[in-house]
């Protein structure tokens, strides 16, 4: 049964990677857009972020022993979701997403760090779970690799006179979406929680 469970998880992650590439294909070849705010790729990223938030809030409700950790993770990804929805928040006021993200972050930190020792223990326990490596890999892909690999300067140097912004956008958004898929995989990996600490 354990082998079947592992195989199903690998199939889920493989399907997630295929979906990431498929979204890029649909945006560029079918919708003919430049991966703008209303592209399929962006919408899927936002749905994944929402899913991660819901999963961790659900786990926080079910797993009292790791509640603060799950709320902290949910709050972090909620702030990321607000950042991804910056175009929506711009309808209120340009750059207003920052204040909403800060509010979510402050409330999350205030709640989880009422008992700092407990949340630190829970975070240390998280590093021993299978989800941790996948989550860190996803975050590195989203927050560092996609930003560095998607730098305009790099793509101007590579493509020179043939520089087309959609190429840079496709690489950057594709790396980001792949990272989000890894984070989703890490979150889904919590069902069923195989560790008592989860």
Protein backbone atom coordinates (compact mmCIF):
# COMPACT_ATOMS: atom_id res chain seq x y z
CA UNK A 1 0.00 0.00 0.00
CA UNK A 2 2.91 2.34 0.78
CA UNK A 3 4.35 1.74 -2.69
CA UNK A 4 0.98 2.55 -4.31
CA UNK A 5 0.74 5.72 -2.20
CA UNK A 6 4.23 6.81 -3.30
CA UNK A 7 3.44 6.03 -6.93
CA UNK A 8 0.24 8.09 -6.77
CA UNK A 9 2.19 11.04 -5.37
CA UNK A 10 4.76 10.81 -8.17
CA UNK A 11 1.94 10.64 -10.75
CA UNK A 12 0.31 13.71 -9.15
CA UNK A 13 3.57 15.69 -9.35
CA UNK A 14 4.20 14.56 -12.94
CA UNK A 15 0.68 15.63 -13.92
CA UNK A 16 1.24 18.98 -12.19
CA UNK A 17 4.40 19.57 -14.25
CA UNK A 18 2.51 18.70 -17.45
CA UNK A 19 -0.23 21.17 -16.49
CA UNK A 20 2.39 23.90 -15.96
CA UNK A 21 3.80 23.44 -19.47
CA UNK A 22 0.31 23.07 -20.95
CA UNK A 23 -0.73 26.43 -19.47
CA UNK A 24 2.23 28.13 -21.16
CA UNK A 25 1.40 26.40 -24.43
CA UNK A 26 -2.24 27.51 -24.29
CA UNK A 27 -1.31 31.11 -23.45
CA UNK A 28 1.33 31.49 -26.17
CA UNK A 29 -0.06 29.34 -28.99
CA UNK A 30 -3.83 29.47 -28.52
CA UNK A 31 -4.66 32.69 -26.66
CA UNK A 32 -1.69 34.52 -28.29
CA UNK A 33 -1.11 36.62 -25.18
CA UNK A 34 2.15 37.70 -23.58
CA UNK A 35 1.39 36.07 -20.22
CA UNK A 36 -0.26 39.17 -18.84
CA UNK A 37 -2.21 39.41 -15.56
CA UNK A 38 -5.26 37.68 -17.07
CA UNK A 39 -3.38 34.82 -18.73
CA UNK A 40 -4.21 31.18 -17.99
CA UNK A 41 -0.77 30.76 -16.41
CA UNK A 42 -1.40 33.61 -13.95
CA UNK A 43 -4.90 32.35 -13.12
CA UNK A 44 -3.59 28.83 -12.44
CA UNK A 45 -0.86 30.30 -10.20
CA UNK A 46 -3.51 32.16 -8.20
CA UNK A 47 -5.69 29.03 -7.92
CA UNK A 48 -2.70 27.02 -6.68
CA UNK A 49 -1.90 29.65 -4.06
CA UNK A 50 -5.51 29.65 -2.91
CA UNK A 51 -5.44 25.84 -2.73
CA UNK A 52 -2.28 25.88 -0.61
CA UNK A 53 -3.85 28.39 1.80
CA UNK A 54 -7.01 26.26 2.12
CA UNK A 55 -5.03 23.05 2.68
CA UNK A 56 -2.97 24.56 5.49
CA UNK A 57 -5.97 26.19 7.15
CA UNK A 58 -7.74 22.83 7.00
CA UNK A 59 -4.70 21.13 8.54
CA UNK A 60 -4.54 23.85 11.23
CA UNK A 61 -8.13 23.04 12.15
CA UNK A 62 -7.54 19.28 12.22
CA UNK A 63 -4.02 19.04 13.70
CA UNK A 64 -3.90 20.94 16.97
CA UNK A 65 -0.35 19.82 17.62
CA UNK A 66 0.87 21.73 14.53
CA UNK A 67 -1.77 24.48 14.35
CA UNK A 68 0.56 27.50 14.57
CA UNK A 69 2.86 26.13 11.89
CA UNK A 70 0.02 25.58 9.44
CA UNK A 71 -1.43 29.03 10.10
CA UNK A 72 2.00 30.59 9.57
CA UNK A 73 2.40 28.75 6.24
CA UNK A 74 -1.16 29.67 5.20
CA UNK A 75 -0.53 33.34 6.05
CA UNK A 76 2.70 33.35 4.06
CA UNK A 77 1.00 31.93 0.97
CA UNK A 78 -1.97 34.27 1.46
CA UNK A 79 0.44 37.22 1.28
CA UNK A 80 1.88 35.71 -1.92
CA UNK A 81 -1.64 35.35 -3.33
CA UNK A 82 -2.39 38.99 -2.59
CA UNK A 83 0.83 39.93 -4.41
CA UNK A 84 -0.21 37.84 -7.43
CA UNK A 85 -3.58 39.63 -7.42
CA UNK A 86 -1.94 43.06 -7.52
CA UNK A 87 -3.93 44.04 -10.63
CA UNK A 88 -7.17 43.50 -8.70
CA UNK A 89 -5.94 45.55 -5.74
CA UNK A 90 -4.80 48.28 -8.15
CA UNK A 91 -8.52 48.90 -8.78
CA UNK A 92 -8.67 50.18 -5.18
CA UNK A 93 -5.43 52.14 -5.40
CA UNK A 94 -2.14 51.49 -7.22
CA UNK A 95 0.12 49.43 -4.98
CA UNK A 96 -2.57 48.82 -2.35
CA UNK A 97 -1.81 45.08 -2.46
CA UNK A 98 1.18 45.84 -0.23
CA UNK A 99 -1.01 47.05 2.65
CA UNK A 100 -3.29 44.01 2.43
CA UNK A 101 -0.29 41.65 2.33
CA UNK A 102 1.27 43.45 5.31
CA UNK A 103 -2.00 43.21 7.27
CA UNK A 104 -2.26 39.46 6.63
CA UNK A 105 1.41 38.99 7.55
CA UNK A 106 1.14 40.97 10.79
CA UNK A 107 -2.04 39.20 11.91
CA UNK A 108 -0.51 35.80 11.10
CA UNK A 109 2.74 36.54 12.92
CA UNK A 110 0.91 38.04 15.92
CA UNK A 111 -1.29 34.93 16.22
CA UNK A 112 1.39 32.31 15.69
CA UNK A 113 4.08 33.91 17.81
CA UNK A 114 1.93 34.36 20.93
CA UNK A 115 3.76 31.21 22.00
CA UNK A 116 7.09 31.51 20.15
CA UNK A 117 8.59 28.37 21.66
CA UNK A 118 5.68 26.26 20.41
CA UNK A 119 5.80 27.57 16.83
CA UNK A 120 9.58 27.17 16.67
CA UNK A 121 9.28 23.54 17.79
CA UNK A 122 6.58 22.97 15.16
CA UNK A 123 8.74 24.52 12.43
CA UNK A 124 11.71 22.36 13.43
CA UNK A 125 9.44 19.29 13.34
CA UNK A 126 8.33 20.32 9.83
CA UNK A 127 11.94 20.05 8.63
CA UNK A 128 11.78 16.30 9.36
CA UNK A 129 8.75 15.71 7.12
CA UNK A 130 8.82 14.69 3.45
CA UNK A 131 6.94 17.89 2.59
CA UNK A 132 9.73 20.18 3.78
CA UNK A 133 12.23 19.50 0.98
CA UNK A 134 9.55 19.84 -1.68
CA UNK A 135 8.27 23.09 -0.14
CA UNK A 136 11.75 24.64 0.07
CA UNK A 137 12.50 23.58 -3.52
CA UNK A 138 9.28 25.24 -4.68
CA UNK A 139 9.99 28.45 -2.79
CA UNK A 140 13.53 28.61 -4.19
CA UNK A 141 12.12 28.20 -7.70
CA UNK A 142 9.50 30.93 -7.15
CA UNK A 143 11.39 33.52 -5.14
CA UNK A 144 14.95 33.19 -6.44
CA UNK A 145 15.41 31.06 -9.56
CA UNK A 146 12.50 32.49 -11.57
CA UNK A 147 13.54 36.07 -10.73
CA UNK A 148 17.20 35.56 -11.64
CA UNK A 149 16.54 33.42 -14.71
CA UNK A 150 13.86 35.85 -15.91
CA UNK A 151 16.07 38.95 -15.76
CA UNK A 152 15.65 41.11 -18.87
CA UNK A 153 19.40 41.77 -18.99
CA UNK A 154 20.11 38.04 -19.35
CA UNK A 155 17.55 37.58 -22.13
CA UNK A 156 18.73 40.71 -24.01
CA UNK A 157 22.24 39.22 -23.94
CA UNK A 158 21.05 35.80 -25.12
CA UNK A 159 18.62 36.92 -27.84
CA UNK A 160 20.31 40.25 -28.71
CA UNK A 161 18.46 41.79 -31.67
CA UNK A 162 15.96 38.93 -31.60
CA UNK A 163 14.79 39.83 -28.08
CA UNK A 164 11.07 39.24 -27.65
CA UNK A 165 9.58 40.02 -24.25
CA UNK A 166 7.19 37.06 -24.37
CA UNK A 167 10.18 34.68 -24.30
CA UNK A 168 11.45 36.22 -21.06
CA UNK A 169 7.91 36.23 -19.62
CA UNK A 170 7.37 32.59 -20.60
CA UNK A 171 10.59 31.46 -18.92
CA UNK A 172 9.97 33.49 -15.77
CA UNK A 173 6.28 32.58 -15.39
CA UNK A 174 6.99 28.95 -16.30
CA UNK A 175 9.63 28.65 -13.56
CA UNK A 176 7.26 30.36 -11.12
CA UNK A 177 4.38 28.03 -12.00
CA UNK A 178 6.66 25.01 -11.60
CA UNK A 179 7.63 26.29 -8.14
CA UNK A 180 3.97 26.75 -7.20
CA UNK A 181 3.28 23.18 -8.32
CA UNK A 182 6.05 21.92 -6.03
CA UNK A 183 4.60 23.87 -3.09
CA UNK A 184 1.17 22.46 -3.88
CA UNK A 185 2.69 18.98 -3.98
CA UNK A 186 4.28 19.58 -0.57
CA UNK A 187 0.91 20.70 0.80
CA UNK A 188 -1.04 17.81 -0.74
CA UNK A 189 1.61 15.50 0.69
CA UNK A 190 0.05 16.25 4.09
CA UNK A 191 -2.99 14.10 3.19
CA UNK A 192 -3.07 11.78 4.99
CA UNK A 193 -0.55 13.21 7.44
CA UNK A 194 2.07 10.52 7.86
CA UNK A 195 3.77 12.26 10.76
CA UNK A 196 2.22 12.81 14.14
CA UNK A 197 3.59 16.37 14.04
CA UNK A 198 1.45 17.15 11.02
